[in-house]
């Protein structure tokens, strides 16, 4: 079985959520804030919560992100360790 493939990421209009979309439905039991790292313009951003729904992951950030600011998301699979 192949792993879901990342398709796109957006920051919502309010600038508080990073929404990741994948090619297929994801398991909601493995998502934790510790599994993700978000950097905003080179500085680490605090993640308040993670919600998985179908093929999307919503990362709620502790502070707002300006729409023009570069955002990078990293994920570490907890089952790899």
Protein backbone atom coordinates (compact mmCIF):
# COMPACT_ATOMS: atom_id res chain seq x y z
CA UNK A 1 0.00 0.00 0.00
CA UNK A 2 1.41 3.39 -0.95
CA UNK A 3 1.52 6.37 1.38
CA UNK A 4 -0.78 9.34 0.76
CA UNK A 5 0.87 11.97 -1.43
CA UNK A 6 1.01 15.62 -0.43
CA UNK A 7 -0.95 17.80 -2.88
CA UNK A 8 -1.09 21.37 -1.55
CA UNK A 9 -0.92 23.64 1.49
CA UNK A 10 -2.69 26.92 2.15
CA UNK A 11 -2.99 29.38 5.02
CA UNK A 12 -6.65 30.20 5.69
CA UNK A 13 -7.99 33.74 5.34
CA UNK A 14 -7.70 34.47 9.07
CA UNK A 15 -4.03 33.43 9.02
CA UNK A 16 -4.45 31.04 11.96
CA UNK A 17 -4.60 27.67 10.16
CA UNK A 18 -2.31 25.87 7.77
CA UNK A 19 -4.38 23.40 5.75
CA UNK A 20 -2.56 20.47 4.13
CA UNK A 21 -4.30 18.38 1.46
CA UNK A 22 -3.29 14.83 0.56
CA UNK A 23 -4.21 12.41 -2.24
CA UNK A 24 -6.28 10.10 -0.02
CA UNK A 25 -7.92 9.84 3.40
CA UNK A 26 -5.58 9.90 6.39
CA UNK A 27 -5.64 8.15 9.75
CA UNK A 28 -6.77 10.61 12.41
CA UNK A 29 -5.30 8.56 15.26
CA UNK A 30 -1.67 9.45 14.48
CA UNK A 31 -1.87 13.25 14.32
CA UNK A 32 -0.22 15.15 17.16
CA UNK A 33 1.20 18.65 17.44
CA UNK A 34 4.55 17.00 18.23
CA UNK A 35 4.57 15.35 14.78
CA UNK A 36 4.59 18.69 12.94
CA UNK A 37 6.88 21.70 12.86
CA UNK A 38 5.81 24.99 11.29
CA UNK A 39 8.26 27.78 10.54
CA UNK A 40 7.05 31.23 9.58
CA UNK A 41 9.59 33.40 7.82
CA UNK A 42 12.35 31.22 9.29
CA UNK A 43 11.11 31.21 12.92
CA UNK A 44 9.35 28.27 14.56
CA UNK A 45 5.61 28.82 15.12
CA UNK A 46 3.67 27.22 17.96
CA UNK A 47 0.94 24.76 16.91
CA UNK A 48 -2.14 24.84 19.15
CA UNK A 49 -3.94 21.85 17.64
CA UNK A 50 -4.05 19.35 14.79
CA UNK A 51 -7.27 18.13 13.21
CA UNK A 52 -7.46 15.44 10.55
CA UNK A 53 -10.59 15.17 8.44
CA UNK A 54 -10.60 12.91 5.41
CA UNK A 55 -7.68 13.91 3.22
CA UNK A 56 -6.89 17.19 4.98
CA UNK A 57 -4.85 18.16 8.03
CA UNK A 58 -5.56 21.49 9.74
CA UNK A 59 -2.79 22.90 11.89
CA UNK A 60 -4.08 25.69 14.14
CA UNK A 61 -1.33 28.15 14.99
CA UNK A 62 -0.98 30.05 18.26
CA UNK A 63 -0.45 33.33 16.38
CA UNK A 64 -1.62 34.81 13.10
CA UNK A 65 0.41 34.53 9.90
CA UNK A 66 0.42 37.32 7.32
CA UNK A 67 -0.74 36.04 3.92
CA UNK A 68 2.52 37.05 2.22
CA UNK A 69 4.85 35.45 4.79
CA UNK A 70 6.69 32.24 3.79
CA UNK A 71 5.47 29.21 5.76
CA UNK A 72 7.21 25.81 5.89
CA UNK A 73 5.71 22.64 7.36
CA UNK A 74 7.66 19.54 8.36
CA UNK A 75 6.21 16.22 9.47
CA UNK A 76 7.87 13.37 11.33
CA UNK A 77 6.08 10.00 11.15
CA UNK A 78 5.76 8.83 14.78
CA UNK A 79 5.85 5.17 13.69
CA UNK A 80 9.39 5.61 12.30
CA UNK A 81 10.92 6.00 15.74
